[in-house]
Amino acid sequence: MKILVCISHVPDTTSKINFTDGDTKFDTNGVQFVINPNDEFGLTRAMWFKEKQGASVHVATVGGPETEPTLRKALAIGADEAIRVNTPATDGYSVAKQLAGVVKDGGYDLVIGGRESIDYNGGMVPGMMAKLIGANFINTCIGLEIEGNQATVVREIDGGKENLEASLPLVIGGQKGLVQESDLRIPNMRGIMQARSKPLHVIEPVDVAAETQAIRFEKPAPRGTVKLVDNVDDLINLLHNEAKVI
């Protein structure tokens, strides 16, 4: 089985976020980038298939040279090869189009992406990619088993879980629960050393126009002052006359 894990290069959630050029560009100065958490769950599950079933695991991202440390971390965790599509990740459709080209050229049986990235939270790429390559698609996956050409998938739905079966090729949108947080891999020294010699292929993008454009970014407004009340009448008065919610 040949698996592709799609990796997003995203800011660490502890990073301080700022914008430049009139709030039209994200300021990367001083920002630590990591593997998108939803993708990390998928990568760890792919490692299980590699170790238990002999699957080969490749990782891919869309972006410039600044994304390569993130790919190297994925290689240190255990992926066999990495692919970087040499173009900025401008919007969900263009990213899906680039990754669909990687999938078609690589002949992958299973494609694991994250349900969404933690920077733009678009949640579009896995589904669009599945449509572009003509594969089955299941989102919000919290369980995945493969036997031959059949996949058994558990996905999260409102109020519960849903058990599904699908044939390969398959694209899934994974999330927390696909593996336990305690099972996430931290690169060890041996893995880091091996990652230096593993292939990292840089390929040129296919020609595709972005369908959306970020016009301006805005940070949430700072929290206002807190008023403490010690009786219900004052609380009702504030909610009615100041907050105007009742």
C-alpha atoms as a PDB file:
ATOM      1  CA  MET A   1       0.000   0.000   0.000  1.00  0.00           C
ATOM      2  CA  LYS A   2       1.262   3.446  -0.940  1.00  0.00           C
ATOM      3  CA  ILE A   3       0.220   6.325   1.325  1.00  0.00           C
ATOM      4  CA  LEU A   4       0.518  10.079   0.863  1.00  0.00           C
ATOM      5  CA  VAL A   5       0.163  12.295   3.925  1.00  0.00           C
ATOM      6  CA  CYS A   6      -0.549  15.935   3.122  1.00  0.00           C
ATOM      7  CA  ILE A   7       1.291  18.273   5.470  1.00  0.00           C
ATOM      8  CA  SER A   8       0.428  21.907   6.209  1.00  0.00           C
ATOM      9  CA  HIS A   9       3.209  24.205   7.431  1.00  0.00           C
ATOM     10  CA  VAL A  10       1.422  26.269  10.101  1.00  0.00           C
ATOM     11  CA  PRO A  11       2.334  28.680  12.920  1.00  0.00           C
ATOM     12  CA  ASP A  12       2.608  27.200  16.393  1.00  0.00           C
ATOM     13  CA  THR A  13      -0.468  28.159  18.400  1.00  0.00           C
ATOM     14  CA  THR A  14       1.769  29.762  21.033  1.00  0.00           C
ATOM     15  CA  SER A  15       3.228  32.213  18.487  1.00  0.00           C
ATOM     16  CA  LYS A  16       2.386  35.903  18.642  1.00  0.00           C
ATOM     17  CA  ILE A  17       0.548  36.838  15.458  1.00  0.00           C
ATOM     18  CA  ASN A  18       1.086  40.146  13.643  1.00  0.00           C
ATOM     19  CA  PHE A  19       0.388  41.524  10.179  1.00  0.00           C
ATOM     20  CA  THR A  20       2.299  43.887   7.911  1.00  0.00           C
ATOM     21  CA  ASP A  21       1.706  46.044   4.807  1.00  0.00           C
ATOM     22  CA  GLY A  22      -1.531  47.508   6.097  1.00  0.00           C
ATOM     23  CA  ASP A  23      -2.702  44.201   7.579  1.00  0.00           C
ATOM     24  CA  THR A  24      -2.570  42.508   4.176  1.00  0.00           C
ATOM     25  CA  LYS A  25       0.305  40.085   4.876  1.00  0.00           C
ATOM     26  CA  PHE A  26       1.132  37.712   7.715  1.00  0.00           C
ATOM     27  CA  ASP A  27       4.336  38.659   9.534  1.00  0.00           C
ATOM     28  CA  THR A  28       6.471  35.514   9.877  1.00  0.00           C
ATOM     29  CA  ASN A  29       9.243  37.175  11.899  1.00  0.00           C
ATOM     30  CA  GLY A  30       9.819  35.306  15.143  1.00  0.00           C
ATOM     31  CA  VAL A  31       7.082  32.742  14.391  1.00  0.00           C
ATOM     32  CA  GLN A  32       7.744  29.043  15.009  1.00  0.00           C
ATOM     33  CA  PHE A  33       6.181  26.766  12.374  1.00  0.00           C
ATOM     34  CA  VAL A  34       5.032  23.185  12.992  1.00  0.00           C
ATOM     35  CA  ILE A  35       3.214  20.308  11.327  1.00  0.00           C
ATOM     36  CA  ASN A  36      -0.505  21.056  11.336  1.00  0.00           C
ATOM     37  CA  PRO A  37      -1.916  19.110  14.324  1.00  0.00           C
ATOM     38  CA  ASN A  38      -4.661  17.374  12.304  1.00  0.00           C
ATOM     39  CA  ASP A  39      -1.997  16.277   9.794  1.00  0.00           C
ATOM     40  CA  GLU A  40       0.211  14.993  12.605  1.00  0.00           C
ATOM     41  CA  PHE A  41      -2.530  12.608  13.718  1.00  0.00           C
ATOM     42  CA  GLY A  42      -2.732  11.345  10.133  1.00  0.00           C
ATOM     43  CA  LEU A  43       1.030  10.946   9.844  1.00  0.00           C
ATOM     44  CA  THR A  44       1.142   8.897  13.017  1.00  0.00           C
ATOM     45  CA  ARG A  45      -1.610   6.624  11.702  1.00  0.00           C
ATOM     46  CA  ALA A  46       0.326   6.208   8.460  1.00  0.00           C
ATOM     47  CA  MET A  47       3.372   5.147  10.491  1.00  0.00           C
ATOM     48  CA  TRP A  48       1.234   2.387  12.026  1.00  0.00           C
ATOM     49  CA  PHE A  49       0.390   1.080   8.532  1.00  0.00           C
ATOM     50  CA  LYS A  50       4.070   1.227   7.613  1.00  0.00           C
ATOM     51  CA  GLU A  51       5.138  -0.763  10.653  1.00  0.00           C
ATOM     52  CA  LYS A  52       2.257  -3.285  10.709  1.00  0.00           C
ATOM     53  CA  GLN A  53       1.496  -3.732   7.004  1.00  0.00           C
ATOM     54  CA  GLY A  54       4.675  -2.658   5.217  1.00  0.00           C
ATOM     55  CA  ALA A  55       3.121   0.429   3.617  1.00  0.00           C
ATOM     56  CA  SER A  56       5.345   3.065   2.056  1.00  0.00           C
ATOM     57  CA  VAL A  57       4.640   6.578   3.338  1.00  0.00           C
ATOM     58  CA  HIS A  58       5.329   9.811   1.494  1.00  0.00           C
ATOM     59  CA  VAL A  59       4.547  13.343   2.701  1.00  0.00           C
ATOM     60  CA  ALA A  60       3.787  16.387   0.563  1.00  0.00           C
ATOM     61  CA  THR A  61       3.247  20.083   1.048  1.00  0.00           C
ATOM     62  CA  VAL A  62       2.663  23.134  -1.116  1.00  0.00           C
ATOM     63  CA  GLY A  63       5.000  26.022  -0.351  1.00  0.00           C
ATOM     64  CA  GLY A  64       8.416  27.591  -0.649  1.00  0.00           C
ATOM     65  CA  PRO A  65      11.788  26.507   0.793  1.00  0.00           C
ATOM     66  CA  GLU A  66      10.720  27.750   4.238  1.00  0.00           C
ATOM     67  CA  THR A  67       8.470  24.681   4.545  1.00  0.00           C
ATOM     68  CA  GLU A  68      11.311  22.164   4.209  1.00  0.00           C
ATOM     69  CA  PRO A  69      12.152  21.973   7.959  1.00  0.00           C
ATOM     70  CA  THR A  70       8.555  20.864   8.536  1.00  0.00           C
ATOM     71  CA  LEU A  71       8.907  18.180   5.866  1.00  0.00           C
ATOM     72  CA  ARG A  72      12.223  17.078   7.377  1.00  0.00           C
ATOM     73  CA  LYS A  73      10.472  16.664  10.721  1.00  0.00           C
ATOM     74  CA  ALA A  74       7.918  14.396   9.023  1.00  0.00           C
ATOM     75  CA  LEU A  75      10.791  12.393   7.549  1.00  0.00           C
ATOM     76  CA  ALA A  76      12.403  12.170  10.990  1.00  0.00           C
ATOM     77  CA  ILE A  77       9.134  10.818  12.379  1.00  0.00           C
ATOM     78  CA  GLY A  78       9.385   7.993   9.840  1.00  0.00           C
ATOM     79  CA  ALA A  79       8.087   8.993   6.396  1.00  0.00           C
ATOM     80  CA  ASP A  80      10.102   7.524   3.513  1.00  0.00           C
ATOM     81  CA  GLU A  81      10.095  10.447   1.071  1.00  0.00           C
ATOM     82  CA  ALA A  82       8.948  14.066   0.958  1.00  0.00           C
ATOM     83  CA  ILE A  83       7.587  16.190  -1.882  1.00  0.00           C
ATOM     84  CA  ARG A  84       7.407  19.974  -1.975  1.00  0.00           C
ATOM     85  CA  VAL A  85       5.379  21.681  -4.683  1.00  0.00           C
ATOM     86  CA  ASN A  86       7.325  24.863  -5.306  1.00  0.00           C
ATOM     87  CA  THR A  87       4.591  27.495  -5.118  1.00  0.00           C
ATOM     88  CA  PRO A  88       2.924  29.508  -2.330  1.00  0.00           C
ATOM     89  CA  ALA A  89      -0.188  27.992  -0.767  1.00  0.00           C
ATOM     90  CA  THR A  90      -2.537  30.763  -1.863  1.00  0.00           C
ATOM     91  CA  ASP A  91      -5.975  29.238  -1.377  1.00  0.00           C
ATOM     92  CA  GLY A  92      -7.714  25.900  -0.815  1.00  0.00           C
ATOM     93  CA  TYR A  93      -8.514  25.197  -4.459  1.00  0.00           C
ATOM     94  CA  SER A  94      -5.013  25.858  -5.760  1.00  0.00           C
ATOM     95  CA  VAL A  95      -3.501  23.700  -2.986  1.00  0.00           C
ATOM     96  CA  ALA A  96      -5.939  20.882  -3.776  1.00  0.00           C
ATOM     97  CA  LYS A  97      -5.088  21.134  -7.468  1.00  0.00           C
ATOM     98  CA  GLN A  98      -1.348  20.911  -6.776  1.00  0.00           C
ATOM     99  CA  LEU A  99      -1.721  17.957  -4.415  1.00  0.00           C
ATOM    100  CA  ALA A 100      -4.066  16.193  -6.844  1.00  0.00           C
ATOM    101  CA  GLY A 101      -1.258  16.317  -9.388  1.00  0.00           C
ATOM    102  CA  VAL A 102       1.114  14.727  -6.873  1.00  0.00           C
ATOM    103  CA  VAL A 103      -1.397  11.954  -6.176  1.00  0.00           C
ATOM    104  CA  LYS A 104      -1.973  11.207  -9.850  1.00  0.00           C
ATOM    105  CA  ASP A 105       1.735  11.065 -10.604  1.00  0.00           C
ATOM    106  CA  GLY A 106       2.506   8.934  -7.542  1.00  0.00           C
ATOM    107  CA  GLY A 107      -0.290   6.382  -7.843  1.00  0.00           C
ATOM    108  CA  TYR A 108      -1.223   6.482  -4.144  1.00  0.00           C
ATOM    109  CA  ASP A 109      -3.808   4.122  -2.679  1.00  0.00           C
ATOM    110  CA  LEU A 110      -4.566   6.193   0.424  1.00  0.00           C
ATOM    111  CA  VAL A 111      -4.292   9.948   0.899  1.00  0.00           C
ATOM    112  CA  ILE A 112      -4.454  11.273   4.453  1.00  0.00           C
ATOM    113  CA  GLY A 113      -5.025  14.973   4.993  1.00  0.00           C
ATOM    114  CA  GLY A 114      -6.095  16.969   8.008  1.00  0.00           C
ATOM    115  CA  ARG A 115      -9.735  17.926   8.418  1.00  0.00           C
ATOM    116  CA  GLU A 116      -8.555  21.538   8.386  1.00  0.00           C
ATOM    117  CA  SER A 117      -5.401  23.559   8.988  1.00  0.00           C
ATOM    118  CA  ILE A 118      -5.136  25.667  12.115  1.00  0.00           C
ATOM    119  CA  ASP A 119      -4.103  28.828  10.256  1.00  0.00           C
ATOM    120  CA  TYR A 120      -6.930  29.448   7.752  1.00  0.00           C
ATOM    121  CA  ASN A 121      -9.331  26.726   8.968  1.00  0.00           C
ATOM    122  CA  GLY A 122     -10.739  26.358   5.467  1.00  0.00           C
ATOM    123  CA  GLY A 123     -11.484  22.623   5.671  1.00  0.00           C
ATOM    124  CA  MET A 124     -11.663  22.411   1.866  1.00  0.00           C
ATOM    125  CA  VAL A 125      -8.543  20.706   0.556  1.00  0.00           C
ATOM    126  CA  PRO A 126      -9.156  16.960   1.183  1.00  0.00           C
ATOM    127  CA  GLY A 127     -12.661  17.005  -0.306  1.00  0.00           C
ATOM    128  CA  MET A 128     -11.674  18.993  -3.389  1.00  0.00           C
ATOM    129  CA  MET A 129      -8.623  16.816  -3.901  1.00  0.00           C
ATOM    130  CA  ALA A 130     -10.772  13.659  -3.800  1.00  0.00           C
ATOM    131  CA  LYS A 131     -13.084  15.126  -6.449  1.00  0.00           C
ATOM    132  CA  LEU A 132     -10.157  16.083  -8.675  1.00  0.00           C
ATOM    133  CA  ILE A 133      -8.617  12.586  -8.600  1.00  0.00           C
ATOM    134  CA  GLY A 134     -11.915  10.666  -8.612  1.00  0.00           C
ATOM    135  CA  ALA A 135     -11.368   8.955  -5.252  1.00  0.00           C
ATOM    136  CA  ASN A 136     -13.720   8.196  -2.383  1.00  0.00           C
ATOM    137  CA  PHE A 137     -13.702  10.764   0.432  1.00  0.00           C
ATOM    138  CA  ILE A 138     -14.541  10.585   4.141  1.00  0.00           C
ATOM    139  CA  ASN A 139     -14.066  13.562   6.451  1.00  0.00           C
ATOM    140  CA  THR A 140     -13.690  14.033  10.234  1.00  0.00           C
ATOM    141  CA  CYS A 141     -12.113  10.591  10.606  1.00  0.00           C
ATOM    142  CA  ILE A 142     -11.282   9.315  14.082  1.00  0.00           C
ATOM    143  CA  GLY A 143     -10.627   5.677  13.165  1.00  0.00           C
ATOM    144  CA  LEU A 144      -9.103   3.935  10.149  1.00  0.00           C
ATOM    145  CA  GLU A 145      -8.316   0.313   9.317  1.00  0.00           C
ATOM    146  CA  ILE A 146      -7.230  -1.080   5.934  1.00  0.00           C
ATOM    147  CA  GLU A 147      -7.629  -4.675   4.848  1.00  0.00           C
ATOM    148  CA  GLY A 148      -6.683  -5.395   1.244  1.00  0.00           C
ATOM    149  CA  ASN A 149      -8.568  -2.921  -0.917  1.00  0.00           C
ATOM    150  CA  GLN A 150     -11.169  -2.096   1.737  1.00  0.00           C
ATOM    151  CA  ALA A 151     -11.080   0.615   4.389  1.00  0.00           C
ATOM    152  CA  THR A 152     -13.147   0.644   7.564  1.00  0.00           C
ATOM    153  CA  VAL A 153     -13.528   4.177   8.834  1.00  0.00           C
ATOM    154  CA  VAL A 154     -15.030   5.768  11.923  1.00  0.00           C
ATOM    155  CA  ARG A 155     -15.957   9.404  11.582  1.00  0.00           C
ATOM    156  CA  GLU A 156     -17.269  11.947  14.028  1.00  0.00           C
ATOM    157  CA  ILE A 157     -20.762  13.318  13.461  1.00  0.00           C
ATOM    158  CA  ASP A 158     -23.032  15.564  15.507  1.00  0.00           C
ATOM    159  CA  GLY A 159     -23.953  13.671  18.634  1.00  0.00           C
ATOM    160  CA  GLY A 160     -21.993  10.505  17.916  1.00  0.00           C
ATOM    161  CA  LYS A 161     -19.921   8.416  15.514  1.00  0.00           C
ATOM    162  CA  GLU A 162     -20.546   6.795  12.154  1.00  0.00           C
ATOM    163  CA  ASN A 163     -18.944   3.555  10.904  1.00  0.00           C
ATOM    164  CA  LEU A 164     -18.315   3.427   7.167  1.00  0.00           C
ATOM    165  CA  GLU A 165     -16.661   1.187   4.596  1.00  0.00           C
ATOM    166  CA  ALA A 166     -15.001   2.387   1.397  1.00  0.00           C
ATOM    167  CA  SER A 167     -12.756   0.964  -1.280  1.00  0.00           C
ATOM    168  CA  LEU A 168      -9.362   2.345  -2.217  1.00  0.00           C
ATOM    169  CA  PRO A 169      -8.289   4.786  -3.584  1.00  0.00           C
ATOM    170  CA  LEU A 170      -9.500   6.846  -0.663  1.00  0.00           C
ATOM    171  CA  VAL A 171      -8.924  10.352   0.674  1.00  0.00           C
ATOM    172  CA  ILE A 172      -9.645  11.031   4.329  1.00  0.00           C
ATOM    173  CA  GLY A 173      -9.744  14.186   6.413  1.00  0.00           C
ATOM    174  CA  GLY A 174      -8.271  13.141   9.755  1.00  0.00           C
ATOM    175  CA  GLN A 175      -8.412  14.806  13.148  1.00  0.00           C
ATOM    176  CA  LYS A 176      -7.764  14.260  16.825  1.00  0.00           C
ATOM    177  CA  GLY A 177      -8.870  10.711  17.665  1.00  0.00           C
ATOM    178  CA  LEU A 178      -7.385   9.088  14.570  1.00  0.00           C
ATOM    179  CA  VAL A 179      -4.661   8.189  17.050  1.00  0.00           C
ATOM    180  CA  GLN A 180      -4.358   9.083  20.703  1.00  0.00           C
ATOM    181  CA  GLU A 181      -2.357  12.186  21.587  1.00  0.00           C
ATOM    182  CA  SER A 182      -0.072   9.979  23.671  1.00  0.00           C
ATOM    183  CA  ASP A 183       0.821   8.049  20.485  1.00  0.00           C
ATOM    184  CA  LEU A 184       2.085  11.086  18.538  1.00  0.00           C
ATOM    185  CA  ARG A 185       5.717  10.649  17.514  1.00  0.00           C
ATOM    186  CA  ILE A 186       8.570  12.919  18.569  1.00  0.00           C
ATOM    187  CA  PRO A 187      11.635  12.654  16.294  1.00  0.00           C
ATOM    188  CA  ASN A 188      14.546  10.967  18.033  1.00  0.00           C
ATOM    189  CA  MET A 189      18.211  11.449  17.196  1.00  0.00           C
ATOM    190  CA  ARG A 190      18.323   8.377  14.943  1.00  0.00           C
ATOM    191  CA  GLY A 191      15.283   9.591  13.016  1.00  0.00           C
ATOM    192  CA  ILE A 192      16.743  13.079  12.637  1.00  0.00           C
ATOM    193  CA  MET A 193      20.004  11.677  11.271  1.00  0.00           C
ATOM    194  CA  GLN A 194      18.181   9.374   8.845  1.00  0.00           C
ATOM    195  CA  ALA A 195      15.954  12.228   7.647  1.00  0.00           C
ATOM    196  CA  ARG A 196      19.006  14.052   6.285  1.00  0.00           C
ATOM    197  CA  SER A 197      19.567  11.363   3.675  1.00  0.00           C
ATOM    198  CA  LYS A 198      15.933  10.686   2.755  1.00  0.00           C
ATOM    199  CA  PRO A 199      14.703  12.083  -0.584  1.00  0.00           C
ATOM    200  CA  LEU A 200      13.022  15.497  -0.581  1.00  0.00           C
ATOM    201  CA  HIS A 201      11.776  16.152  -4.093  1.00  0.00           C
ATOM    202  CA  VAL A 202      10.989  19.692  -5.246  1.00  0.00           C
ATOM    203  CA  ILE A 203       8.542  19.744  -8.146  1.00  0.00           C
ATOM    204  CA  GLU A 204       7.197  22.659 -10.145  1.00  0.00           C
ATOM    205  CA  PRO A 205       3.500  23.518  -9.833  1.00  0.00           C
ATOM    206  CA  VAL A 206       0.776  22.919 -12.338  1.00  0.00           C
ATOM    207  CA  ASP A 207      -0.789  26.040 -13.832  1.00  0.00           C
ATOM    208  CA  VAL A 208      -3.835  26.995 -11.753  1.00  0.00           C
ATOM    209  CA  ALA A 209      -5.395  30.319 -10.785  1.00  0.00           C
ATOM    210  CA  ALA A 210      -6.402  30.956  -7.186  1.00  0.00           C
ATOM    211  CA  GLU A 211     -10.163  31.263  -6.726  1.00  0.00           C
ATOM    212  CA  THR A 212     -10.007  33.395  -3.568  1.00  0.00           C
ATOM    213  CA  GLN A 213      -7.788  36.194  -2.274  1.00  0.00           C
ATOM    214  CA  ALA A 214      -7.138  37.476   1.241  1.00  0.00           C
ATOM    215  CA  ILE A 215      -7.837  41.217   1.201  1.00  0.00           C
ATOM    216  CA  ARG A 216      -7.103  42.105   4.802  1.00  0.00           C
ATOM    217  CA  PHE A 217      -6.412  40.412   8.132  1.00  0.00           C
ATOM    218  CA  GLU A 218      -7.781  41.566  11.467  1.00  0.00           C
ATOM    219  CA  LYS A 219      -6.934  40.362  14.954  1.00  0.00           C
ATOM    220  CA  PRO A 220      -9.750  39.888  17.492  1.00  0.00           C
ATOM    221  CA  ALA A 221     -10.517  42.974  19.538  1.00  0.00           C
ATOM    222  CA  PRO A 222      -8.945  42.993  23.017  1.00  0.00           C
ATOM    223  CA  ARG A 223     -11.161  41.922  25.853  1.00  0.00           C
ATOM    224  CA  GLY A 224     -12.964  44.712  27.649  1.00  0.00           C
ATOM    225  CA  THR A 225     -13.038  45.366  31.358  1.00  0.00           C
ATOM    226  CA  VAL A 226     -14.944  43.001  33.605  1.00  0.00           C
ATOM    227  CA  LYS A 227     -17.762  44.124  35.845  1.00  0.00           C
ATOM    228  CA  LEU A 228     -18.428  42.087  38.947  1.00  0.00           C
ATOM    229  CA  VAL A 229     -21.963  42.012  40.347  1.00  0.00           C
ATOM    230  CA  ASP A 230     -23.120  40.458  43.577  1.00  0.00           C
ATOM    231  CA  ASN A 231     -26.888  40.240  43.059  1.00  0.00           C
ATOM    232  CA  VAL A 232     -29.291  39.093  40.379  1.00  0.00           C
ATOM    233  CA  ASP A 233     -31.081  42.438  39.976  1.00  0.00           C
ATOM    234  CA  ASP A 234     -27.855  44.235  39.017  1.00  0.00           C
ATOM    235  CA  LEU A 235     -26.950  41.443  36.604  1.00  0.00           C
ATOM    236  CA  ILE A 236     -30.348  41.643  34.877  1.00  0.00           C
ATOM    237  CA  ASN A 237     -30.070  45.430  34.662  1.00  0.00           C
ATOM    238  CA  LEU A 238     -26.605  45.231  33.007  1.00  0.00           C
ATOM    239  CA  LEU A 239     -27.675  42.533  30.554  1.00  0.00           C
ATOM    240  CA  HIS A 240     -30.773  44.546  29.592  1.00  0.00           C
ATOM    241  CA  ASN A 241     -29.458  48.128  29.487  1.00  0.00           C
ATOM    242  CA  GLU A 242     -25.738  47.765  28.641  1.00  0.00           C
ATOM    243  CA  ALA A 243     -25.238  44.428  26.883  1.00  0.00           C
ATOM    244  CA  LYS A 244     -28.755  44.614  25.408  1.00  0.00           C
ATOM    245  CA  VAL A 245     -29.018  40.843  25.149  1.00  0.00           C
ATOM    246  CA  ILE A 246     -32.317  40.500  27.030  1.00  0.00           C
END
